[in-house]
Amino acid sequence: IEIINIPEVFDEGRRNSECDSLEIV
């Protein structure tokens, strides 16, 4: 694993309470 991203929050603009996944690179 190199990077853990949170595209739902940072790229898609969802609120914290809507986030239900992480992106693993």
mmCIF file of all heavy atoms, coordinates in Angstrom:
data_MODEL
# 
_entry.id   MODEL 
# 
loop_
_atom_site.group_PDB 
_atom_site.id 
_atom_site.type_symbol 
_atom_site.label_atom_id 
_atom_site.label_alt_id 
_atom_site.label_comp_id 
_atom_site.label_asym_id 
_atom_site.label_entity_id 
_atom_site.label_seq_id 
_atom_site.pdbx_PDB_ins_code 
_atom_site.Cartn_x 
_atom_site.Cartn_y 
_atom_site.Cartn_z 
_atom_site.occupancy 
_atom_site.B_iso_or_equiv 
_atom_site.pdbx_formal_charge 
_atom_site.auth_seq_id 
_atom_site.auth_comp_id 
_atom_site.auth_asym_id 
_atom_site.auth_atom_id 
_atom_site.pdbx_PDB_model_num 
ATOM 1   N N   . ILE A 1 1  ? 0.843   -1.192 0.000  1.00 0.00 ? 1  ILE A N   1 
ATOM 2   C CA  . ILE A 1 1  ? 0.000   0.000  0.000  1.00 0.00 ? 1  ILE A CA  1 
ATOM 3   C C   . ILE A 1 1  ? 0.879   1.243  0.000  1.00 0.00 ? 1  ILE A C   1 
ATOM 4   O O   . ILE A 1 1  ? 1.782   1.382  0.816  1.00 0.00 ? 1  ILE A O   1 
ATOM 5   C CB  . ILE A 1 1  ? -0.945  0.025  1.221  1.00 0.00 ? 1  ILE A CB  1 
ATOM 6   C CG1 . ILE A 1 1  ? -1.890  -1.170 1.174  1.00 0.00 ? 1  ILE A CG1 1 
ATOM 7   C CG2 . ILE A 1 1  ? -1.742  1.337  1.244  1.00 0.00 ? 1  ILE A CG2 1 
ATOM 8   C CD1 . ILE A 1 1  ? -2.760  -1.313 2.417  1.00 0.00 ? 1  ILE A CD1 1 
ATOM 9   N N   . GLU A 1 2  ? 0.605   2.145  -0.944 1.00 0.00 ? 2  GLU A N   1 
ATOM 10  C CA  . GLU A 1 2  ? 1.379   3.386  -1.029 1.00 0.00 ? 2  GLU A CA  1 
ATOM 11  C C   . GLU A 1 2  ? 0.612   4.580  -0.484 1.00 0.00 ? 2  GLU A C   1 
ATOM 12  O O   . GLU A 1 2  ? 1.154   5.396  0.246  1.00 0.00 ? 2  GLU A O   1 
ATOM 13  C CB  . GLU A 1 2  ? 1.793   3.669  -2.475 1.00 0.00 ? 2  GLU A CB  1 
ATOM 14  C CG  . GLU A 1 2  ? 2.673   4.885  -2.574 1.00 0.00 ? 2  GLU A CG  1 
ATOM 15  C CD  . GLU A 1 2  ? 3.397   4.962  -3.891 1.00 0.00 ? 2  GLU A CD  1 
ATOM 16  O OE1 . GLU A 1 2  ? 3.468   3.944  -4.605 1.00 0.00 ? 2  GLU A OE1 1 
ATOM 17  O OE2 . GLU A 1 2  ? 3.912   6.030  -4.198 1.00 0.00 ? 2  GLU A OE2 1 
ATOM 18  N N   . ILE A 1 3  ? -0.675  4.694  -0.852 1.00 0.00 ? 3  ILE A N   1 
ATOM 19  C CA  . ILE A 1 3  ? -1.455  5.878  -0.494 1.00 0.00 ? 3  ILE A CA  1 
ATOM 20  C C   . ILE A 1 3  ? -2.873  5.449  -0.112 1.00 0.00 ? 3  ILE A C   1 
ATOM 21  O O   . ILE A 1 3  ? -3.444  4.540  -0.710 1.00 0.00 ? 3  ILE A O   1 
ATOM 22  C CB  . ILE A 1 3  ? -1.557  6.866  -1.680 1.00 0.00 ? 3  ILE A CB  1 
ATOM 23  C CG1 . ILE A 1 3  ? -0.176  7.328  -2.128 1.00 0.00 ? 3  ILE A CG1 1 
ATOM 24  C CG2 . ILE A 1 3  ? -2.423  8.076  -1.329 1.00 0.00 ? 3  ILE A CG2 1 
ATOM 25  C CD1 . ILE A 1 3  ? -0.188  8.083  -3.442 1.00 0.00 ? 3  ILE A CD1 1 
ATOM 26  N N   . ILE A 1 4  ? -3.435  6.178  0.857  1.00 0.00 ? 4  ILE A N   1 
ATOM 27  C CA  . ILE A 1 4  ? -4.852  6.027  1.204  1.00 0.00 ? 4  ILE A CA  1 
ATOM 28  C C   . ILE A 1 4  ? -5.506  7.366  0.866  1.00 0.00 ? 4  ILE A C   1 
ATOM 29  O O   . ILE A 1 4  ? -5.088  8.415  1.352  1.00 0.00 ? 4  ILE A O   1 
ATOM 30  C CB  . ILE A 1 4  ? -5.048  5.738  2.707  1.00 0.00 ? 4  ILE A CB  1 
ATOM 31  C CG1 . ILE A 1 4  ? -4.199  4.570  3.174  1.00 0.00 ? 4  ILE A CG1 1 
ATOM 32  C CG2 . ILE A 1 4  ? -6.532  5.520  3.003  1.00 0.00 ? 4  ILE A CG2 1 
ATOM 33  C CD1 . ILE A 1 4  ? -4.546  3.250  2.575  1.00 0.00 ? 4  ILE A CD1 1 
ATOM 34  N N   . ASN A 1 5  ? -6.534  7.338  0.014  1.00 0.00 ? 5  ASN A N   1 
ATOM 35  C CA  . ASN A 1 5  ? -7.249  8.556  -0.392 1.00 0.00 ? 5  ASN A CA  1 
ATOM 36  C C   . ASN A 1 5  ? -8.692  8.506  0.091  1.00 0.00 ? 5  ASN A C   1 
ATOM 37  O O   . ASN A 1 5  ? -9.237  7.436  0.349  1.00 0.00 ? 5  ASN A O   1 
ATOM 38  C CB  . ASN A 1 5  ? -7.257  8.693  -1.916 1.00 0.00 ? 5  ASN A CB  1 
ATOM 39  C CG  . ASN A 1 5  ? -5.900  9.051  -2.467 1.00 0.00 ? 5  ASN A CG  1 
ATOM 40  O OD1 . ASN A 1 5  ? -5.154  9.806  -1.871 1.00 0.00 ? 5  ASN A OD1 1 
ATOM 41  N ND2 . ASN A 1 5  ? -5.576  8.484  -3.619 1.00 0.00 ? 5  ASN A ND2 1 
ATOM 42  N N   . ILE A 1 6  ? -9.301  9.685  0.130  1.00 0.00 ? 6  ILE A N   1 
ATOM 43  C CA  . ILE A 1 6  ? -10.714 9.806  0.500  1.00 0.00 ? 6  ILE A CA  1 
ATOM 44  C C   . ILE A 1 6  ? -11.414 10.617 -0.578 1.00 0.00 ? 6  ILE A C   1 
ATOM 45  O O   . ILE A 1 6  ? -11.775 11.778 -0.382 1.00 0.00 ? 6  ILE A O   1 
ATOM 46  C CB  . ILE A 1 6  ? -10.871 10.497 1.863  1.00 0.00 ? 6  ILE A CB  1 
ATOM 47  C CG1 . ILE A 1 6  ? -9.890  9.919  2.867  1.00 0.00 ? 6  ILE A CG1 1 
ATOM 48  C CG2 . ILE A 1 6  ? -12.303 10.347 2.384  1.00 0.00 ? 6  ILE A CG2 1 
ATOM 49  C CD1 . ILE A 1 6  ? -9.633  10.807 4.034  1.00 0.00 ? 6  ILE A CD1 1 
ATOM 50  N N   . PRO A 1 7  ? -11.618 10.032 -1.761 1.00 0.00 ? 7  PRO A N   1 
ATOM 51  C CA  . PRO A 1 7  ? -12.195 10.816 -2.868 1.00 0.00 ? 7  PRO A CA  1 
ATOM 52  C C   . PRO A 1 7  ? -13.620 11.278 -2.610 1.00 0.00 ? 7  PRO A C   1 
ATOM 53  O O   . PRO A 1 7  ? -14.014 12.325 -3.121 1.00 0.00 ? 7  PRO A O   1 
ATOM 54  C CB  . PRO A 1 7  ? -12.120 9.858  -4.058 1.00 0.00 ? 7  PRO A CB  1 
ATOM 55  C CG  . PRO A 1 7  ? -12.000 8.501  -3.472 1.00 0.00 ? 7  PRO A CG  1 
ATOM 56  C CD  . PRO A 1 7  ? -11.314 8.665  -2.153 1.00 0.00 ? 7  PRO A CD  1 
ATOM 57  N N   . GLU A 1 8  ? -14.389 10.543 -1.821 1.00 0.00 ? 8  GLU A N   1 
ATOM 58  C CA  . GLU A 1 8  ? -15.775 10.953 -1.566 1.00 0.00 ? 8  GLU A CA  1 
ATOM 59  C C   . GLU A 1 8  ? -15.829 12.320 -0.896 1.00 0.00 ? 8  GLU A C   1 
ATOM 60  O O   . GLU A 1 8  ? -16.709 13.121 -1.172 1.00 0.00 ? 8  GLU A O   1 
ATOM 61  C CB  . GLU A 1 8  ? -16.493 9.928  -0.687 1.00 0.00 ? 8  GLU A CB  1 
ATOM 62  C CG  . GLU A 1 8  ? -16.796 8.638  -1.392 1.00 0.00 ? 8  GLU A CG  1 
ATOM 63  C CD  . GLU A 1 8  ? -17.565 7.669  -0.512 1.00 0.00 ? 8  GLU A CD  1 
ATOM 64  O OE1 . GLU A 1 8  ? -17.785 7.954  0.675  1.00 0.00 ? 8  GLU A OE1 1 
ATOM 65  O OE2 . GLU A 1 8  ? -17.957 6.613  -1.030 1.00 0.00 ? 8  GLU A OE2 1 
ATOM 66  N N   . VAL A 1 9  ? -14.893 12.573 0.007  1.00 0.00 ? 9  VAL A N   1 
ATOM 67  C CA  . VAL A 1 9  ? -14.890 13.841 0.731  1.00 0.00 ? 9  VAL A CA  1 
ATOM 68  C C   . VAL A 1 9  ? -14.151 14.919 -0.065 1.00 0.00 ? 9  VAL A C   1 
ATOM 69  O O   . VAL A 1 9  ? -14.668 16.005 -0.289 1.00 0.00 ? 9  VAL A O   1 
ATOM 70  C CB  . VAL A 1 9  ? -14.245 13.669 2.128  1.00 0.00 ? 9  VAL A CB  1 
ATOM 71  C CG1 . VAL A 1 9  ? -14.094 15.011 2.833  1.00 0.00 ? 9  VAL A CG1 1 
ATOM 72  C CG2 . VAL A 1 9  ? -15.079 12.716 2.981  1.00 0.00 ? 9  VAL A CG2 1 
ATOM 73  N N   . PHE A 1 10 ? -12.936 14.606 -0.514 1.00 0.00 ? 10 PHE A N   1 
ATOM 74  C CA  . PHE A 1 10 ? -12.099 15.636 -1.120 1.00 0.00 ? 10 PHE A CA  1 
ATOM 75  C C   . PHE A 1 10 ? -12.383 15.881 -2.600 1.00 0.00 ? 10 PHE A C   1 
ATOM 76  O O   . PHE A 1 10 ? -12.282 17.010 -3.065 1.00 0.00 ? 10 PHE A O   1 
ATOM 77  C CB  . PHE A 1 10 ? -10.623 15.309 -0.912 1.00 0.00 ? 10 PHE A CB  1 
ATOM 78  C CG  . PHE A 1 10 ? -10.242 15.313 0.544  1.00 0.00 ? 10 PHE A CG  1 
ATOM 79  C CD1 . PHE A 1 10 ? -9.798  14.162 1.156  1.00 0.00 ? 10 PHE A CD1 1 
ATOM 80  C CD2 . PHE A 1 10 ? -10.352 16.457 1.301  1.00 0.00 ? 10 PHE A CD2 1 
ATOM 81  C CE1 . PHE A 1 10 ? -9.457  14.162 2.504  1.00 0.00 ? 10 PHE A CE1 1 
ATOM 82  C CE2 . PHE A 1 10 ? -10.016 16.477 2.645  1.00 0.00 ? 10 PHE A CE2 1 
ATOM 83  C CZ  . PHE A 1 10 ? -9.567  15.326 3.243  1.00 0.00 ? 10 PHE A CZ  1 
ATOM 84  N N   . ASP A 1 11 ? -12.732 14.852 -3.351 1.00 0.00 ? 11 ASP A N   1 
ATOM 85  C CA  . ASP A 1 11 ? -12.986 15.034 -4.784 1.00 0.00 ? 11 ASP A CA  1 
ATOM 86  C C   . ASP A 1 11 ? -14.465 15.227 -5.103 1.00 0.00 ? 11 ASP A C   1 
ATOM 87  O O   . ASP A 1 11 ? -14.822 16.014 -5.969 1.00 0.00 ? 11 ASP A O   1 
ATOM 88  C CB  . ASP A 1 11 ? -12.461 13.836 -5.580 1.00 0.00 ? 11 ASP A CB  1 
ATOM 89  C CG  . ASP A 1 11 ? -10.950 13.683 -5.466 1.00 0.00 ? 11 ASP A CG  1 
ATOM 90  O OD1 . ASP A 1 11 ? -10.278 14.680 -5.121 1.00 0.00 ? 11 ASP A OD1 1 
ATOM 91  O OD2 . ASP A 1 11 ? -10.448 12.577 -5.711 1.00 0.00 ? 11 ASP A OD2 1 
ATOM 92  N N   . GLU A 1 12 ? -15.313 14.499 -4.414 1.00 0.00 ? 12 GLU A N   1 
ATOM 93  C CA  . GLU A 1 12 ? -16.746 14.543 -4.718 1.00 0.00 ? 12 GLU A CA  1 
ATOM 94  C C   . GLU A 1 12 ? -17.501 15.534 -3.853 1.00 0.00 ? 12 GLU A C   1 
ATOM 95  O O   . GLU A 1 12 ? -18.671 15.801 -4.098 1.00 0.00 ? 12 GLU A O   1 
ATOM 96  C CB  . GLU A 1 12 ? -17.343 13.143 -4.552 1.00 0.00 ? 12 GLU A CB  1 
ATOM 97  C CG  . GLU A 1 12 ? -16.731 12.114 -5.483 1.00 0.00 ? 12 GLU A CG  1 
ATOM 98  C CD  . GLU A 1 12 ? -17.168 10.694 -5.166 1.00 0.00 ? 12 GLU A CD  1 
ATOM 99  O OE1 . GLU A 1 12 ? -18.218 10.512 -4.514 1.00 0.00 ? 12 GLU A OE1 1 
ATOM 100 O OE2 . GLU A 1 12 ? -16.451 9.753  -5.566 1.00 0.00 ? 12 GLU A OE2 1 
ATOM 101 N N   . GLY A 1 13 ? -16.852 16.050 -2.810 1.00 0.00 ? 13 GLY A N   1 
ATOM 102 C CA  . GLY A 1 13 ? -17.493 17.053 -1.962 1.00 0.00 ? 13 GLY A CA  1 
ATOM 103 C C   . GLY A 1 13 ? -18.565 16.529 -1.034 1.00 0.00 ? 13 GLY A C   1 
ATOM 104 O O   . GLY A 1 13 ? -19.381 17.299 -0.538 1.00 0.00 ? 13 GLY A O   1 
ATOM 105 N N   . ARG A 1 14 ? -18.567 15.242 -0.777 1.00 0.00 ? 14 ARG A N   1 
ATOM 106 C CA  . ARG A 1 14 ? -19.561 14.707 0.160  1.00 0.00 ? 14 ARG A CA  1 
ATOM 107 C C   . ARG A 1 14 ? -19.221 15.135 1.585  1.00 0.00 ? 14 ARG A C   1 
ATOM 108 O O   . ARG A 1 14 ? -18.070 15.388 1.911  1.00 0.00 ? 14 ARG A O   1 
ATOM 109 C CB  . ARG A 1 14 ? -19.595 13.181 0.105  1.00 0.00 ? 14 ARG A CB  1 
ATOM 110 C CG  . ARG A 1 14 ? -20.139 12.642 -1.177 1.00 0.00 ? 14 ARG A CG  1 
ATOM 111 C CD  . ARG A 1 14 ? -20.328 11.161 -1.069 1.00 0.00 ? 14 ARG A CD  1 
ATOM 112 N NE  . ARG A 1 14 ? -20.674 10.571 -2.342 1.00 0.00 ? 14 ARG A NE  1 
ATOM 113 C CZ  . ARG A 1 14 ? -20.898 9.291  -2.500 1.00 0.00 ? 14 ARG A CZ  1 
ATOM 114 N NH1 . ARG A 1 14 ? -20.798 8.453  -1.496 1.00 0.00 ? 14 ARG A NH1 1 
ATOM 115 N NH2 . ARG A 1 14 ? -21.214 8.826  -3.678 1.00 0.00 ? 14 ARG A NH2 1 
ATOM 116 N N   . ARG A 1 15 ? -20.237 15.163 2.412  1.00 0.00 ? 15 ARG A N   1 
ATOM 117 C CA  . ARG A 1 15 ? -20.017 15.468 3.826  1.00 0.00 ? 15 ARG A CA  1 
ATOM 118 C C   . ARG A 1 15 ? -19.390 14.253 4.501  1.00 0.00 ? 15 ARG A C   1 
ATOM 119 O O   . ARG A 1 15 ? -19.507 13.123 4.031  1.00 0.00 ? 15 ARG A O   1 
ATOM 120 C CB  . ARG A 1 15 ? -21.334 15.801 4.505  1.00 0.00 ? 15 ARG A CB  1 
ATOM 121 C CG  . ARG A 1 15 ? -21.972 17.076 3.982  1.00 0.00 ? 15 ARG A CG  1 
ATOM 122 C CD  . ARG A 1 15 ? -23.227 17.354 4.715  1.00 0.00 ? 15 ARG A CD  1 
ATOM 123 N NE  . ARG A 1 15 ? -24.046 16.126 4.691  1.00 0.00 ? 15 ARG A NE  1 
ATOM 124 C CZ  . ARG A 1 15 ? -25.346 16.081 4.741  1.00 0.00 ? 15 ARG A CZ  1 
ATOM 125 N NH1 . ARG A 1 15 ? -26.028 17.175 4.843  1.00 0.00 ? 15 ARG A NH1 1 
ATOM 126 N NH2 . ARG A 1 15 ? -26.001 14.942 4.705  1.00 0.00 ? 15 ARG A NH2 1 
ATOM 127 N N   . ASN A 1 16 ? -18.741 14.494 5.621  1.00 0.00 ? 16 ASN A N   1 
ATOM 128 C CA  . ASN A 1 16 ? -18.098 13.419 6.360  1.00 0.00 ? 16 ASN A CA  1 
ATOM 129 C C   . ASN A 1 16 ? -19.061 12.278 6.674  1.00 0.00 ? 16 ASN A C   1 
ATOM 130 O O   . ASN A 1 16 ? -18.703 11.115 6.612  1.00 0.00 ? 16 ASN A O   1 
ATOM 131 C CB  . ASN A 1 16 ? -17.499 13.942 7.666  1.00 0.00 ? 16 ASN A CB  1 
ATOM 132 C CG  . ASN A 1 16 ? -16.291 14.806 7.419  1.00 0.00 ? 16 ASN A CG  1 
ATOM 133 O OD1 . ASN A 1 16 ? -15.699 14.778 6.348  1.00 0.00 ? 16 ASN A OD1 1 
ATOM 134 N ND2 . ASN A 1 16 ? -15.921 15.590 8.407  1.00 0.00 ? 16 ASN A ND2 1 
ATOM 135 N N   . SER A 1 17 ? -20.290 12.622 7.007  1.00 0.00 ? 17 SER A N   1 
ATOM 136 C CA  . SER A 1 17 ? -21.272 11.597 7.387  1.00 0.00 ? 17 SER A CA  1 
ATOM 137 C C   . SER A 1 17 ? -21.723 10.744 6.199  1.00 0.00 ? 17 SER A C   1 
ATOM 138 O O   . SER A 1 17 ? -22.311 9.688  6.388  1.00 0.00 ? 17 SER A O   1 
ATOM 139 C CB  . SER A 1 17 ? -22.494 12.242 8.039  1.00 0.00 ? 17 SER A CB  1 
ATOM 140 O OG  . SER A 1 17 ? -23.136 13.109 7.130  1.00 0.00 ? 17 SER A OG  1 
ATOM 141 N N   . GLU A 1 18 ? -21.449 11.192 4.980  1.00 0.00 ? 18 GLU A N   1 
ATOM 142 C CA  . GLU A 1 18 ? -21.849 10.444 3.789  1.00 0.00 ? 18 GLU A CA  1 
ATOM 143 C C   . GLU A 1 18 ? -20.757 9.508  3.274  1.00 0.00 ? 18 GLU A C   1 
ATOM 144 O O   . GLU A 1 18 ? -21.013 8.667  2.424  1.00 0.00 ? 18 GLU A O   1 
ATOM 145 C CB  . GLU A 1 18 ? -22.221 11.406 2.661  1.00 0.00 ? 18 GLU A CB  1 
ATOM 146 C CG  . GLU A 1 18 ? -23.400 12.284 2.990  1.00 0.00 ? 18 GLU A CG  1 
ATOM 147 C CD  . GLU A 1 18 ? -23.641 13.335 1.917  1.00 0.00 ? 18 GLU A CD  1 
ATOM 148 O OE1 . GLU A 1 18 ? -22.676 13.899 1.378  1.00 0.00 ? 18 GLU A OE1 1 
ATOM 149 O OE2 . GLU A 1 18 ? -24.829 13.583 1.641  1.00 0.00 ? 18 GLU A OE2 1 
ATOM 150 N N   . CYS A 1 19 ? -19.557 9.661  3.776  1.00 0.00 ? 19 CYS A N   1 
ATOM 151 C CA  . CYS A 1 19 ? -18.420 8.885  3.275  1.00 0.00 ? 19 CYS A CA  1 
ATOM 152 C C   . CYS A 1 19 ? -18.478 7.457  3.810  1.00 0.00 ? 19 CYS A C   1 
ATOM 153 O O   . CYS A 1 19 ? -18.588 7.228  5.008  1.00 0.00 ? 19 CYS A O   1 
ATOM 154 C CB  . CYS A 1 19 ? -17.122 9.551  3.709  1.00 0.00 ? 19 CYS A CB  1 
ATOM 155 S SG  . CYS A 1 19 ? -15.651 8.715  3.108  1.00 0.00 ? 19 CYS A SG  1 
ATOM 156 N N   . ASP A 1 20 ? -18.405 6.494  2.894  1.00 0.00 ? 20 ASP A N   1 
ATOM 157 C CA  . ASP A 1 20 ? -18.416 5.097  3.326  1.00 0.00 ? 20 ASP A CA  1 
ATOM 158 C C   . ASP A 1 20 ? -17.401 4.246  2.561  1.00 0.00 ? 20 ASP A C   1 
ATOM 159 O O   . ASP A 1 20 ? -17.590 3.044  2.391  1.00 0.00 ? 20 ASP A O   1 
ATOM 160 C CB  . ASP A 1 20 ? -19.816 4.496  3.235  1.00 0.00 ? 20 ASP A CB  1 
ATOM 161 C CG  . ASP A 1 20 ? -20.353 4.437  1.819  1.00 0.00 ? 20 ASP A CG  1 
ATOM 162 O OD1 . ASP A 1 20 ? -19.676 4.912  0.896  1.00 0.00 ? 20 ASP A OD1 1 
ATOM 163 O OD2 . ASP A 1 20 ? -21.459 3.893  1.639  1.00 0.00 ? 20 ASP A OD2 1 
ATOM 164 N N   . SER A 1 21 ? -16.312 4.885  2.125  1.00 0.00 ? 21 SER A N   1 
ATOM 165 C CA  . SER A 1 21 ? -15.253 4.118  1.473  1.00 0.00 ? 21 SER A CA  1 
ATOM 166 C C   . SER A 1 21 ? -13.941 4.901  1.476  1.00 0.00 ? 21 SER A C   1 
ATOM 167 O O   . SER A 1 21 ? -13.928 6.119  1.636  1.00 0.00 ? 21 SER A O   1 
ATOM 168 C CB  . SER A 1 21 ? -15.634 3.753  0.041  1.00 0.00 ? 21 SER A CB  1 
ATOM 169 O OG  . SER A 1 21 ? -15.690 4.896  -0.771 1.00 0.00 ? 21 SER A OG  1 
ATOM 170 N N   . LEU A 1 22 ? -12.868 4.164  1.318  1.00 0.00 ? 22 LEU A N   1 
ATOM 171 C CA  . LEU A 1 22 ? -11.533 4.731  1.143  1.00 0.00 ? 22 LEU A CA  1 
ATOM 172 C C   . LEU A 1 22 ? -10.956 4.153  -0.132 1.00 0.00 ? 22 LEU A C   1 
ATOM 173 O O   . LEU A 1 22 ? -11.286 3.037  -0.526 1.00 0.00 ? 22 LEU A O   1 
ATOM 174 C CB  . LEU A 1 22 ? -10.607 4.362  2.303  1.00 0.00 ? 22 LEU A CB  1 
ATOM 175 C CG  . LEU A 1 22 ? -10.951 4.881  3.689  1.00 0.00 ? 22 LEU A CG  1 
ATOM 176 C CD1 . LEU A 1 22 ? -9.972  4.322  4.709  1.00 0.00 ? 22 LEU A CD1 1 
ATOM 177 C CD2 . LEU A 1 22 ? -10.947 6.391  3.714  1.00 0.00 ? 22 LEU A CD2 1 
ATOM 178 N N   . GLU A 1 23 ? -10.073 4.905  -0.756 1.00 0.00 ? 23 GLU A N   1 
ATOM 179 C CA  . GLU A 1 23 ? -9.382  4.446  -1.947 1.00 0.00 ? 23 GLU A CA  1 
ATOM 180 C C   . GLU A 1 23 ? -7.961  4.042  -1.541 1.00 0.00 ? 23 GLU A C   1 
ATOM 181 O O   . GLU A 1 23 ? -7.244  4.828  -0.935 1.00 0.00 ? 23 GLU A O   1 
ATOM 182 C CB  . GLU A 1 23 ? -9.341  5.571  -2.968 1.00 0.00 ? 23 GLU A CB  1 
ATOM 183 C CG  . GLU A 1 23 ? -8.678  5.221  -4.262 1.00 0.00 ? 23 GLU A CG  1 
ATOM 184 C CD  . GLU A 1 23 ? -8.665  6.403  -5.203 1.00 0.00 ? 23 GLU A CD  1 
ATOM 185 O OE1 . GLU A 1 23 ? -7.782  7.270  -5.041 1.00 0.00 ? 23 GLU A OE1 1 
ATOM 186 O OE2 . GLU A 1 23 ? -9.550  6.473  -6.074 1.00 0.00 ? 23 GLU A OE2 1 
ATOM 187 N N   . ILE A 1 24 ? -7.599  2.824  -1.881 1.00 0.00 ? 24 ILE A N   1 
ATOM 188 C CA  . ILE A 1 24 ? -6.270  2.314  -1.565 1.00 0.00 ? 24 ILE A CA  1 
ATOM 189 C C   . ILE A 1 24 ? -5.482  2.218  -2.855 1.00 0.00 ? 24 ILE A C   1 
ATOM 190 O O   . ILE A 1 24 ? -5.914  1.572  -3.808 1.00 0.00 ? 24 ILE A O   1 
ATOM 191 C CB  . ILE A 1 24 ? -6.364  0.943  -0.884 1.00 0.00 ? 24 ILE A CB  1 
ATOM 192 C CG1 . ILE A 1 24 ? -7.124  1.101  0.425  1.00 0.00 ? 24 ILE A CG1 1 
ATOM 193 C CG2 . ILE A 1 24 ? -4.980  0.348  -0.665 1.00 0.00 ? 24 ILE A CG2 1 
ATOM 194 C CD1 . ILE A 1 24 ? -7.448  -0.180 1.114  1.00 0.00 ? 24 ILE A CD1 1 
ATOM 195 N N   . VAL A 1 25 ? -4.333  2.885  -2.884 1.00 0.00 ? 25 VAL A N   1 
ATOM 196 C CA  . VAL A 1 25 ? -3.480  2.862  -4.056 1.00 0.00 ? 25 VAL A CA  1 
ATOM 197 C C   . VAL A 1 25 ? -2.244  2.036  -3.720 1.00 0.00 ? 25 VAL A C   1 
ATOM 198 O O   . VAL A 1 25 ? -1.522  2.343  -2.765 1.00 0.00 ? 25 VAL A O   1 
ATOM 199 C CB  . VAL A 1 25 ? -3.058  4.287  -4.485 1.00 0.00 ? 25 VAL A CB  1 
ATOM 200 C CG1 . VAL A 1 25 ? -2.186  4.235  -5.732 1.00 0.00 ? 25 VAL A CG1 1 
ATOM 201 C CG2 . VAL A 1 25 ? -4.286  5.163  -4.704 1.00 0.00 ? 25 VAL A CG2 1 
# 
